[in-house]
Every structure is written in structure tokens, then in C-alpha cells.
Amino acid sequence: GMGWYRQAPGKQRDLVAAITEGGSTNYA
């Protein structure tokens, strides 16, 4: 599985988007 996270100044690192082994995607 792979995904993208982002972190803005002063904030925590959050999930932006992910793609699973089977190809399914999820988005913030």
C-alpha cells in the first residue's frame, strides 16, 4: 500500500490520499 501525507507548519501530519494493494483509493 502507498499514500500521500501532508504537514503544514504547526500542524500534525495527515493522510491526503491512499491506494491499496487491490487498487482501491481513499481521499481526505
mmCIF file of all heavy atoms, coordinates in Angstrom:
data_MODEL
# 
_entry.id   MODEL 
# 
loop_
_atom_site.group_PDB 
_atom_site.id 
_atom_site.type_symbol 
_atom_site.label_atom_id 
_atom_site.label_alt_id 
_atom_site.label_comp_id 
_atom_site.label_asym_id 
_atom_site.label_entity_id 
_atom_site.label_seq_id 
_atom_site.pdbx_PDB_ins_code 
_atom_site.Cartn_x 
_atom_site.Cartn_y 
_atom_site.Cartn_z 
_atom_site.occupancy 
_atom_site.B_iso_or_equiv 
_atom_site.pdbx_formal_charge 
_atom_site.auth_seq_id 
_atom_site.auth_comp_id 
_atom_site.auth_asym_id 
_atom_site.auth_atom_id 
_atom_site.pdbx_PDB_model_num 
ATOM 1   N N   . GLY A 1 1  ? 0.823   -1.192 0.000  1.00 0.00 ? 1  GLY A N   1 
ATOM 2   C CA  . GLY A 1 1  ? 0.000   0.000  0.000  1.00 0.00 ? 1  GLY A CA  1 
ATOM 3   C C   . GLY A 1 1  ? 0.859   1.244  0.000  1.00 0.00 ? 1  GLY A C   1 
ATOM 4   O O   . GLY A 1 1  ? 1.962   1.244  0.555  1.00 0.00 ? 1  GLY A O   1 
ATOM 5   N N   . MET A 1 2  ? 0.368   2.306  -0.618 1.00 0.00 ? 2  MET A N   1 
ATOM 6   C CA  . MET A 1 2  ? 1.107   3.555  -0.668 1.00 0.00 ? 2  MET A CA  1 
ATOM 7   C C   . MET A 1 2  ? 0.130   4.716  -0.497 1.00 0.00 ? 2  MET A C   1 
ATOM 8   O O   . MET A 1 2  ? -1.071  4.580  -0.743 1.00 0.00 ? 2  MET A O   1 
ATOM 9   C CB  . MET A 1 2  ? 1.873   3.714  -1.977 1.00 0.00 ? 2  MET A CB  1 
ATOM 10  C CG  . MET A 1 2  ? 2.911   2.631  -2.216 1.00 0.00 ? 2  MET A CG  1 
ATOM 11  S SD  . MET A 1 2  ? 3.941   2.935  -3.676 1.00 0.00 ? 2  MET A SD  1 
ATOM 12  C CE  . MET A 1 2  ? 4.995   4.259  -3.061 1.00 0.00 ? 2  MET A CE  1 
ATOM 13  N N   . GLY A 1 3  ? 0.684   5.858  -0.087 1.00 0.00 ? 3  GLY A N   1 
ATOM 14  C CA  . GLY A 1 3  ? -0.163  7.013  0.102  1.00 0.00 ? 3  GLY A CA  1 
ATOM 15  C C   . GLY A 1 3  ? 0.633   8.301  0.171  1.00 0.00 ? 3  GLY A C   1 
ATOM 16  O O   . GLY A 1 3  ? 1.866   8.305  0.163  1.00 0.00 ? 3  GLY A O   1 
ATOM 17  N N   . TRP A 1 4  ? -0.107  9.400  0.209  1.00 0.00 ? 4  TRP A N   1 
ATOM 18  C CA  . TRP A 1 4  ? 0.458   10.727 0.366  1.00 0.00 ? 4  TRP A CA  1 
ATOM 19  C C   . TRP A 1 4  ? -0.062  11.353 1.650  1.00 0.00 ? 4  TRP A C   1 
ATOM 20  O O   . TRP A 1 4  ? -1.266  11.282 1.941  1.00 0.00 ? 4  TRP A O   1 
ATOM 21  C CB  . TRP A 1 4  ? 0.092   11.632 -0.814 1.00 0.00 ? 4  TRP A CB  1 
ATOM 22  C CG  . TRP A 1 4  ? 0.751   11.259 -2.102 1.00 0.00 ? 4  TRP A CG  1 
ATOM 23  C CD1 . TRP A 1 4  ? 0.246   10.481 -3.089 1.00 0.00 ? 4  TRP A CD1 1 
ATOM 24  C CD2 . TRP A 1 4  ? 2.055   11.674 -2.535 1.00 0.00 ? 4  TRP A CD2 1 
ATOM 25  N NE1 . TRP A 1 4  ? 1.143   10.377 -4.121 1.00 0.00 ? 4  TRP A NE1 1 
ATOM 26  C CE2 . TRP A 1 4  ? 2.263   11.099 -3.804 1.00 0.00 ? 4  TRP A CE2 1 
ATOM 27  C CE3 . TRP A 1 4  ? 3.047   12.465 -1.977 1.00 0.00 ? 4  TRP A CE3 1 
ATOM 28  C CZ2 . TRP A 1 4  ? 3.439   11.295 -4.532 1.00 0.00 ? 4  TRP A CZ2 1 
ATOM 29  C CZ3 . TRP A 1 4  ? 4.218   12.663 -2.693 1.00 0.00 ? 4  TRP A CZ3 1 
ATOM 30  C CH2 . TRP A 1 4  ? 4.401   12.080 -3.957 1.00 0.00 ? 4  TRP A CH2 1 
ATOM 31  N N   . TYR A 1 5  ? 0.836   11.944 2.409  1.00 0.00 ? 5  TYR A N   1 
ATOM 32  C CA  . TYR A 1 5  ? 0.513   12.694 3.611  1.00 0.00 ? 5  TYR A CA  1 
ATOM 33  C C   . TYR A 1 5  ? 1.014   14.117 3.446  1.00 0.00 ? 5  TYR A C   1 
ATOM 34  O O   . TYR A 1 5  ? 1.869   14.397 2.603  1.00 0.00 ? 5  TYR A O   1 
ATOM 35  C CB  . TYR A 1 5  ? 1.156   12.069 4.844  1.00 0.00 ? 5  TYR A CB  1 
ATOM 36  C CG  . TYR A 1 5  ? 0.579   10.732 5.260  1.00 0.00 ? 5  TYR A CG  1 
ATOM 37  C CD1 . TYR A 1 5  ? 0.793   9.592  4.503  1.00 0.00 ? 5  TYR A CD1 1 
ATOM 38  C CD2 . TYR A 1 5  ? -0.177  10.609 6.429  1.00 0.00 ? 5  TYR A CD2 1 
ATOM 39  C CE1 . TYR A 1 5  ? 0.270   8.366  4.877  1.00 0.00 ? 5  TYR A CE1 1 
ATOM 40  C CE2 . TYR A 1 5  ? -0.698  9.390  6.818  1.00 0.00 ? 5  TYR A CE2 1 
ATOM 41  C CZ  . TYR A 1 5  ? -0.471  8.273  6.040  1.00 0.00 ? 5  TYR A CZ  1 
ATOM 42  O OH  . TYR A 1 5  ? -0.991  7.052  6.431  1.00 0.00 ? 5  TYR A OH  1 
ATOM 43  N N   . ARG A 1 6  ? 0.494   15.022 4.259  1.00 0.00 ? 6  ARG A N   1 
ATOM 44  C CA  . ARG A 1 6  ? 0.992   16.384 4.243  1.00 0.00 ? 6  ARG A CA  1 
ATOM 45  C C   . ARG A 1 6  ? 1.024   16.947 5.649  1.00 0.00 ? 6  ARG A C   1 
ATOM 46  O O   . ARG A 1 6  ? 0.258   16.539 6.518  1.00 0.00 ? 6  ARG A O   1 
ATOM 47  C CB  . ARG A 1 6  ? 0.157   17.283 3.323  1.00 0.00 ? 6  ARG A CB  1 
ATOM 48  C CG  . ARG A 1 6  ? -1.266  17.555 3.794  1.00 0.00 ? 6  ARG A CG  1 
ATOM 49  C CD  . ARG A 1 6  ? -2.027  18.347 2.733  1.00 0.00 ? 6  ARG A CD  1 
ATOM 50  N NE  . ARG A 1 6  ? -3.386  18.656 3.141  1.00 0.00 ? 6  ARG A NE  1 
ATOM 51  C CZ  . ARG A 1 6  ? -4.293  19.216 2.344  1.00 0.00 ? 6  ARG A CZ  1 
ATOM 52  N NH1 . ARG A 1 6  ? -3.979  19.519 1.090  1.00 0.00 ? 6  ARG A NH1 1 
ATOM 53  N NH2 . ARG A 1 6  ? -5.516  19.473 2.803  1.00 0.00 ? 6  ARG A NH2 1 
ATOM 54  N N   . GLN A 1 7  ? 1.929   17.894 5.854  1.00 0.00 ? 7  GLN A N   1 
ATOM 55  C CA  . GLN A 1 7  ? 2.080   18.533 7.145  1.00 0.00 ? 7  GLN A CA  1 
ATOM 56  C C   . GLN A 1 7  ? 2.323   20.023 6.938  1.00 0.00 ? 7  GLN A C   1 
ATOM 57  O O   . GLN A 1 7  ? 3.320   20.421 6.332  1.00 0.00 ? 7  GLN A O   1 
ATOM 58  C CB  . GLN A 1 7  ? 3.230   17.912 7.934  1.00 0.00 ? 7  GLN A CB  1 
ATOM 59  C CG  . GLN A 1 7  ? 3.354   18.433 9.350  1.00 0.00 ? 7  GLN A CG  1 
ATOM 60  C CD  . GLN A 1 7  ? 4.322   17.609 10.176 1.00 0.00 ? 7  GLN A CD  1 
ATOM 61  O OE1 . GLN A 1 7  ? 5.191   16.930 9.641  1.00 0.00 ? 7  GLN A OE1 1 
ATOM 62  N NE2 . GLN A 1 7  ? 4.162   17.657 11.487 1.00 0.00 ? 7  GLN A NE2 1 
ATOM 63  N N   . ALA A 1 8  ? 1.409   20.829 7.433  1.00 0.00 ? 8  ALA A N   1 
ATOM 64  C CA  . ALA A 1 8  ? 1.543   22.273 7.396  1.00 0.00 ? 8  ALA A CA  1 
ATOM 65  C C   . ALA A 1 8  ? 2.237   22.746 8.670  1.00 0.00 ? 8  ALA A C   1 
ATOM 66  O O   . ALA A 1 8  ? 2.230   22.047 9.687  1.00 0.00 ? 8  ALA A O   1 
ATOM 67  C CB  . ALA A 1 8  ? 0.174   22.928 7.258  1.00 0.00 ? 8  ALA A CB  1 
ATOM 68  N N   . PRO A 1 9  ? 2.843   23.931 8.645  1.00 0.00 ? 9  PRO A N   1 
ATOM 69  C CA  . PRO A 1 9  ? 3.523   24.439 9.839  1.00 0.00 ? 9  PRO A CA  1 
ATOM 70  C C   . PRO A 1 9  ? 2.606   24.482 11.054 1.00 0.00 ? 9  PRO A C   1 
ATOM 71  O O   . PRO A 1 9  ? 1.482   24.986 10.979 1.00 0.00 ? 9  PRO A O   1 
ATOM 72  C CB  . PRO A 1 9  ? 3.957   25.844 9.425  1.00 0.00 ? 9  PRO A CB  1 
ATOM 73  C CG  . PRO A 1 9  ? 4.093   25.769 7.942  1.00 0.00 ? 9  PRO A CG  1 
ATOM 74  C CD  . PRO A 1 9  ? 2.994   24.845 7.502  1.00 0.00 ? 9  PRO A CD  1 
ATOM 75  N N   . GLY A 1 10 ? 3.077   23.932 12.160 1.00 0.00 ? 10 GLY A N   1 
ATOM 76  C CA  . GLY A 1 10 ? 2.313   23.936 13.390 1.00 0.00 ? 10 GLY A CA  1 
ATOM 77  C C   . GLY A 1 10 ? 1.208   22.921 13.457 1.00 0.00 ? 10 GLY A C   1 
ATOM 78  O O   . GLY A 1 10 ? 0.441   22.918 14.436 1.00 0.00 ? 10 GLY A O   1 
ATOM 79  N N   . LYS A 1 11 ? 1.073   22.059 12.455 1.00 0.00 ? 11 LYS A N   1 
ATOM 80  C CA  . LYS A 1 11 ? 0.009   21.069 12.432 1.00 0.00 ? 11 LYS A CA  1 
ATOM 81  C C   . LYS A 1 11 ? 0.582   19.661 12.321 1.00 0.00 ? 11 LYS A C   1 
ATOM 82  O O   . LYS A 1 11 ? 1.747   19.465 11.985 1.00 0.00 ? 11 LYS A O   1 
ATOM 83  C CB  . LYS A 1 11 ? -0.953  21.340 11.272 1.00 0.00 ? 11 LYS A CB  1 
ATOM 84  C CG  . LYS A 1 11 ? -1.688  22.672 11.368 1.00 0.00 ? 11 LYS A CG  1 
ATOM 85  C CD  . LYS A 1 11 ? -2.703  22.828 10.257 1.00 0.00 ? 11 LYS A CD  1 
ATOM 86  C CE  . LYS A 1 11 ? -3.469  24.129 10.388 1.00 0.00 ? 11 LYS A CE  1 
ATOM 87  N NZ  . LYS A 1 11 ? -4.471  24.288 9.308  1.00 0.00 ? 11 LYS A NZ  1 
ATOM 88  N N   . GLN A 1 12 ? -0.251  18.674 12.597 1.00 0.00 ? 12 GLN A N   1 
ATOM 89  C CA  . GLN A 1 12 ? 0.161   17.286 12.519 1.00 0.00 ? 12 GLN A CA  1 
ATOM 90  C C   . GLN A 1 12 ? 0.172   16.811 11.076 1.00 0.00 ? 12 GLN A C   1 
ATOM 91  O O   . GLN A 1 12 ? -0.423  17.438 10.193 1.00 0.00 ? 12 GLN A O   1 
ATOM 92  C CB  . GLN A 1 12 ? -0.759  16.406 13.362 1.00 0.00 ? 12 GLN A CB  1 
ATOM 93  C CG  . GLN A 1 12 ? -2.196  16.355 12.888 1.00 0.00 ? 12 GLN A CG  1 
ATOM 94  C CD  . GLN A 1 12 ? -3.081  15.499 13.777 1.00 0.00 ? 12 GLN A CD  1 
ATOM 95  O OE1 . GLN A 1 12 ? -2.593  14.764 14.636 1.00 0.00 ? 12 GLN A OE1 1 
ATOM 96  N NE2 . GLN A 1 12 ? -4.384  15.580 13.572 1.00 0.00 ? 12 GLN A NE2 1 
ATOM 97  N N   . ARG A 1 13 ? 0.843   15.690 10.851 1.00 0.00 ? 13 ARG A N   1 
ATOM 98  C CA  . ARG A 1 13 ? 0.889   15.088 9.534  1.00 0.00 ? 13 ARG A CA  1 
ATOM 99  C C   . ARG A 1 13 ? -0.390  14.276 9.301  1.00 0.00 ? 13 ARG A C   1 
ATOM 100 O O   . ARG A 1 13 ? -0.709  13.375 10.073 1.00 0.00 ? 13 ARG A O   1 
ATOM 101 C CB  . ARG A 1 13 ? 2.129   14.192 9.406  1.00 0.00 ? 13 ARG A CB  1 
ATOM 102 C CG  . ARG A 1 13 ? 2.345   13.634 8.018  1.00 0.00 ? 13 ARG A CG  1 
ATOM 103 C CD  . ARG A 1 13 ? 3.645   12.838 7.932  1.00 0.00 ? 13 ARG A CD  1 
ATOM 104 N NE  . ARG A 1 13 ? 4.806   13.660 8.214  1.00 0.00 ? 13 ARG A NE  1 
ATOM 105 C CZ  . ARG A 1 13 ? 6.062   13.225 8.128  1.00 0.00 ? 13 ARG A CZ  1 
ATOM 106 N NH1 . ARG A 1 13 ? 6.317   11.977 7.764  1.00 0.00 ? 13 ARG A NH1 1 
ATOM 107 N NH2 . ARG A 1 13 ? 7.064   14.051 8.415  1.00 0.00 ? 13 ARG A NH2 1 
ATOM 108 N N   . ASP A 1 14 ? -1.103  14.598 8.239  1.00 0.00 ? 14 ASP A N   1 
ATOM 109 C CA  . ASP A 1 14 ? -2.388  13.973 7.955  1.00 0.00 ? 14 ASP A CA  1 
ATOM 110 C C   . ASP A 1 14 ? -2.370  13.259 6.613  1.00 0.00 ? 14 ASP A C   1 
ATOM 111 O O   . ASP A 1 14 ? -1.677  13.664 5.683  1.00 0.00 ? 14 ASP A O   1 
ATOM 112 C CB  . ASP A 1 14 ? -3.511  15.011 7.949  1.00 0.00 ? 14 ASP A CB  1 
ATOM 113 C CG  . ASP A 1 14 ? -3.767  15.625 9.303  1.00 0.00 ? 14 ASP A CG  1 
ATOM 114 O OD1 . ASP A 1 14 ? -3.647  14.905 10.316 1.00 0.00 ? 14 ASP A OD1 1 
ATOM 115 O OD2 . ASP A 1 14 ? -4.100  16.827 9.353  1.00 0.00 ? 14 ASP A OD2 1 
ATOM 116 N N   . LEU A 1 15 ? -3.179  12.213 6.522  1.00 0.00 ? 15 LEU A N   1 
ATOM 117 C CA  . LEU A 1 15 ? -3.338  11.477 5.276  1.00 0.00 ? 15 LEU A CA  1 
ATOM 118 C C   . LEU A 1 15 ? -4.084  12.331 4.257  1.00 0.00 ? 15 LEU A C   1 
ATOM 119 O O   . LEU A 1 15 ? -5.120  12.923 4.570  1.00 0.00 ? 15 LEU A O   1 
ATOM 120 C CB  . LEU A 1 15 ? -4.094  10.176 5.523  1.00 0.00 ? 15 LEU A CB  1 
ATOM 121 C CG  . LEU A 1 15 ? -4.427  9.342  4.279  1.00 0.00 ? 15 LEU A CG  1 
ATOM 122 C CD1 . LEU A 1 15 ? -3.159  8.761  3.670  1.00 0.00 ? 15 LEU A CD1 1 
ATOM 123 C CD2 . LEU A 1 15 ? -5.414  8.232  4.620  1.00 0.00 ? 15 LEU A CD2 1 
ATOM 124 N N   . VAL A 1 16 ? -3.568  12.376 3.042  1.00 0.00 ? 16 VAL A N   1 
ATOM 125 C CA  . VAL A 1 16 ? -4.213  13.069 1.935  1.00 0.00 ? 16 VAL A CA  1 
ATOM 126 C C   . VAL A 1 16 ? -4.935  12.081 1.024  1.00 0.00 ? 16 VAL A C   1 
ATOM 127 O O   . VAL A 1 16 ? -6.106  12.265 0.683  1.00 0.00 ? 16 VAL A O   1 
ATOM 128 C CB  . VAL A 1 16 ? -3.197  13.886 1.120  1.00 0.00 ? 16 VAL A CB  1 
ATOM 129 C CG1 . VAL A 1 16 ? -3.870  14.539 -0.085 1.00 0.00 ? 16 VAL A CG1 1 
ATOM 130 C CG2 . VAL A 1 16 ? -2.535  14.935 1.999  1.00 0.00 ? 16 VAL A CG2 1 
ATOM 131 N N   . ALA A 1 17 ? -4.234  11.040 0.611  1.00 0.00 ? 17 ALA A N   1 
ATOM 132 C CA  . ALA A 1 17 ? -4.791  10.039 -0.283 1.00 0.00 ? 17 ALA A CA  1 
ATOM 133 C C   . ALA A 1 17 ? -4.009  8.751  -0.139 1.00 0.00 ? 17 ALA A C   1 
ATOM 134 O O   . ALA A 1 17 ? -2.822  8.767  0.176  1.00 0.00 ? 17 ALA A O   1 
ATOM 135 C CB  . ALA A 1 17 ? -4.763  10.517 -1.735 1.00 0.00 ? 17 ALA A CB  1 
ATOM 136 N N   . ALA A 1 18 ? -4.672  7.634  -0.378 1.00 0.00 ? 18 ALA A N   1 
ATOM 137 C CA  . ALA A 1 18 ? -4.033  6.327  -0.274 1.00 0.00 ? 18 ALA A CA  1 
ATOM 138 C C   . ALA A 1 18 ? -4.554  5.415  -1.370 1.00 0.00 ? 18 ALA A C   1 
ATOM 139 O O   . ALA A 1 18 ? -5.689  5.567  -1.837 1.00 0.00 ? 18 ALA A O   1 
ATOM 140 C CB  . ALA A 1 18 ? -4.292  5.703  1.095  1.00 0.00 ? 18 ALA A CB  1 
ATOM 141 N N   . ILE A 1 19 ? -3.716  4.475  -1.763 1.00 0.00 ? 19 ILE A N   1 
ATOM 142 C CA  . ILE A 1 19 ? -4.105  3.458  -2.729 1.00 0.00 ? 19 ILE A CA  1 
ATOM 143 C C   . ILE A 1 19 ? -3.701  2.104  -2.167 1.00 0.00 ? 19 ILE A C   1 
ATOM 144 O O   . ILE A 1 19 ? -2.572  1.909  -1.710 1.00 0.00 ? 19 ILE A O   1 
ATOM 145 C CB  . ILE A 1 19 ? -3.485  3.728  -4.122 1.00 0.00 ? 19 ILE A CB  1 
ATOM 146 C CG1 . ILE A 1 19 ? -4.017  2.725  -5.150 1.00 0.00 ? 19 ILE A CG1 1 
ATOM 147 C CG2 . ILE A 1 19 ? -1.965  3.730  -4.065 1.00 0.00 ? 19 ILE A CG2 1 
ATOM 148 C CD1 . ILE A 1 19 ? -3.731  3.150  -6.589 1.00 0.00 ? 19 ILE A CD1 1 
ATOM 149 N N   . THR A 1 20 ? -4.631  1.166  -2.159 1.00 0.00 ? 20 THR A N   1 
ATOM 150 C CA  . THR A 1 20 ? -4.411  -0.127 -1.546 1.00 0.00 ? 20 THR A CA  1 
ATOM 151 C C   . THR A 1 20 ? -3.783  -1.099 -2.523 1.00 0.00 ? 20 THR A C   1 
ATOM 152 O O   . THR A 1 20 ? -3.637  -0.828 -3.715 1.00 0.00 ? 20 THR A O   1 
ATOM 153 C CB  . THR A 1 20 ? -5.730  -0.712 -1.021 1.00 0.00 ? 20 THR A CB  1 
ATOM 154 O OG1 . THR A 1 20 ? -6.576  -1.033 -2.134 1.00 0.00 ? 20 THR A OG1 1 
ATOM 155 C CG2 . THR A 1 20 ? -6.446  0.278  -0.122 1.00 0.00 ? 20 THR A CG2 1 
ATOM 156 N N   . GLU A 1 21 ? -3.418  -2.272 -2.001 1.00 0.00 ? 21 GLU A N   1 
ATOM 157 C CA  . GLU A 1 21 ? -2.844  -3.329 -2.825 1.00 0.00 ? 21 GLU A CA  1 
ATOM 158 C C   . GLU A 1 21 ? -3.787  -3.725 -3.955 1.00 0.00 ? 21 GLU A C   1 
ATOM 159 O O   . GLU A 1 21 ? -3.340  -4.047 -5.058 1.00 0.00 ? 21 GLU A O   1 
ATOM 160 C CB  . GLU A 1 21 ? -2.519  -4.536 -1.951 1.00 0.00 ? 21 GLU A CB  1 
ATOM 161 C CG  . GLU A 1 21 ? -1.819  -5.674 -2.682 1.00 0.00 ? 21 GLU A CG  1 
ATOM 162 C CD  . GLU A 1 21 ? -1.487  -6.831 -1.761 1.00 0.00 ? 21 GLU A CD  1 
ATOM 163 O OE1 . GLU A 1 21 ? -1.953  -6.830 -0.606 1.00 0.00 ? 21 GLU A OE1 1 
ATOM 164 O OE2 . GLU A 1 21 ? -0.756  -7.742 -2.194 1.00 0.00 ? 21 GLU A OE2 1 
ATOM 165 N N   . GLY A 1 22 ? -5.073  -3.685 -3.692 1.00 0.00 ? 22 GLY A N   1 
ATOM 166 C CA  . GLY A 1 22 ? -6.057  -4.045 -4.693 1.00 0.00 ? 22 GLY A CA  1 
ATOM 167 C C   . GLY A 1 22 ? -6.428  -2.925 -5.640 1.00 0.00 ? 22 GLY A C   1 
ATOM 168 O O   . GLY A 1 22 ? -7.238  -3.136 -6.552 1.00 0.00 ? 22 GLY A O   1 
ATOM 169 N N   . GLY A 1 23 ? -5.869  -1.736 -5.440 1.00 0.00 ? 23 GLY A N   1 
ATOM 170 C CA  . GLY A 1 23 ? -6.125  -0.623 -6.328 1.00 0.00 ? 23 GLY A CA  1 
ATOM 171 C C   . GLY A 1 23 ? -7.208  0.334  -5.868 1.00 0.00 ? 23 GLY A C   1 
ATOM 172 O O   . GLY A 1 23 ? -7.490  1.318  -6.558 1.00 0.00 ? 23 GLY A O   1 
ATOM 173 N N   . SER A 1 24 ? -7.822  0.073  -4.732 1.00 0.00 ? 24 SER A N   1 
ATOM 174 C CA  . SER A 1 24 ? -8.830  0.980  -4.206 1.00 0.00 ? 24 SER A CA  1 
ATOM 175 C C   . SER A 1 24 ? -8.181  2.252  -3.693 1.00 0.00 ? 24 SER A C   1 
ATOM 176 O O   . SER A 1 24 ? -7.060  2.229  -3.180 1.00 0.00 ? 24 SER A O   1 
ATOM 177 C CB  . SER A 1 24 ? -9.625  0.315  -3.087 1.00 0.00 ? 24 SER A CB  1 
ATOM 178 O OG  . SER A 1 24 ? -10.312 -0.830 -3.562 1.00 0.00 ? 24 SER A OG  1 
ATOM 179 N N   . THR A 1 25 ? -8.880  3.366  -3.810 1.00 0.00 ? 25 THR A N   1 
ATOM 180 C CA  . THR A 1 25 ? -8.347  4.656  -3.387 1.00 0.00 ? 25 THR A CA  1 
ATOM 181 C C   . THR A 1 25 ? -9.230  5.275  -2.315 1.00 0.00 ? 25 THR A C   1 
ATOM 182 O O   . THR A 1 25 ? -10.441 5.040  -2.268 1.00 0.00 ? 25 THR A O   1 
ATOM 183 C CB  . THR A 1 25 ? -8.226  5.629  -4.563 1.00 0.00 ? 25 THR A CB  1 
ATOM 184 O OG1 . THR A 1 25 ? -9.509  5.797  -5.183 1.00 0.00 ? 25 THR A OG1 1 
ATOM 185 C CG2 . THR A 1 25 ? -7.245  5.100  -5.600 1.00 0.00 ? 25 THR A CG2 1 
ATOM 186 N N   . ASN A 1 26 ? -8.601  6.071  -1.463 1.00 0.00 ? 26 ASN A N   1 
ATOM 187 C CA  . ASN A 1 26 ? -9.298  6.822  -0.436 1.00 0.00 ? 26 ASN A CA  1 
ATOM 188 C C   . ASN A 1 26 ? -8.690  8.213  -0.348 1.00 0.00 ? 26 ASN A C   1 
ATOM 189 O O   . ASN A 1 26 ? -7.481  8.376  -0.512 1.00 0.00 ? 26 ASN A O   1 
ATOM 190 C CB  . ASN A 1 26 ? -9.209  6.126  0.921  1.00 0.00 ? 26 ASN A CB  1 
ATOM 191 C CG  . ASN A 1 26 ? -10.008 4.846  0.968  1.00 0.00 ? 26 ASN A CG  1 
ATOM 192 O OD1 . ASN A 1 26 ? -11.228 4.876  1.082  1.00 0.00 ? 26 ASN A OD1 1 
ATOM 193 N ND2 . ASN A 1 26 ? -9.328  3.715  0.880  1.00 0.00 ? 26 ASN A ND2 1 
ATOM 194 N N   . TYR A 1 27 ? -9.530  9.205  -0.073 1.00 0.00 ? 27 TYR A N   1 
ATOM 195 C CA  . TYR A 1 27 ? -9.097  10.592 -0.032 1.00 0.00 ? 27 TYR A CA  1 
ATOM 196 C C   . TYR A 1 27 ? -9.610  11.285 1.215  1.00 0.00 ? 27 TYR A C   1 
ATOM 197 O O   . TYR A 1 27 ? -10.703 10.986 1.707  1.00 0.00 ? 27 TYR A O   1 
ATOM 198 C CB  . TYR A 1 27 ? -9.608  11.364 -1.250 1.00 0.00 ? 27 TYR A CB  1 
ATOM 199 C CG  . TYR A 1 27 ? -9.103  10.842 -2.570 1.00 0.00 ? 27 TYR A CG  1 
ATOM 200 C CD1 . TYR A 1 27 ? -9.806  9.871  -3.274 1.00 0.00 ? 27 TYR A CD1 1 
ATOM 201 C CD2 . TYR A 1 27 ? -7.919  11.325 -3.121 1.00 0.00 ? 27 TYR A CD2 1 
ATOM 202 C CE1 . TYR A 1 27 ? -9.348  9.389  -4.479 1.00 0.00 ? 27 TYR A CE1 1 
ATOM 203 C CE2 . TYR A 1 27 ? -7.458  10.849 -4.329 1.00 0.00 ? 27 TYR A CE2 1 
ATOM 204 C CZ  . TYR A 1 27 ? -8.172  9.885  -5.008 1.00 0.00 ? 27 TYR A CZ  1 
ATOM 205 O OH  . TYR A 1 27 ? -7.712  9.413  -6.212 1.00 0.00 ? 27 TYR A OH  1 
ATOM 206 N N   . ALA A 1 28 ? -8.814  12.232 1.704  1.00 0.00 ? 28 ALA A N   1 
ATOM 207 C CA  . ALA A 1 28 ? -9.318  13.134 2.713  1.00 0.00 ? 28 ALA A CA  1 
ATOM 208 C C   . ALA A 1 28 ? -10.456 13.956 2.123  1.00 0.00 ? 28 ALA A C   1 
ATOM 209 O O   . ALA A 1 28 ? -10.431 14.308 0.938  1.00 0.00 ? 28 ALA A O   1 
ATOM 210 C CB  . ALA A 1 28 ? -8.205  14.056 3.214  1.00 0.00 ? 28 ALA A CB  1 
# 
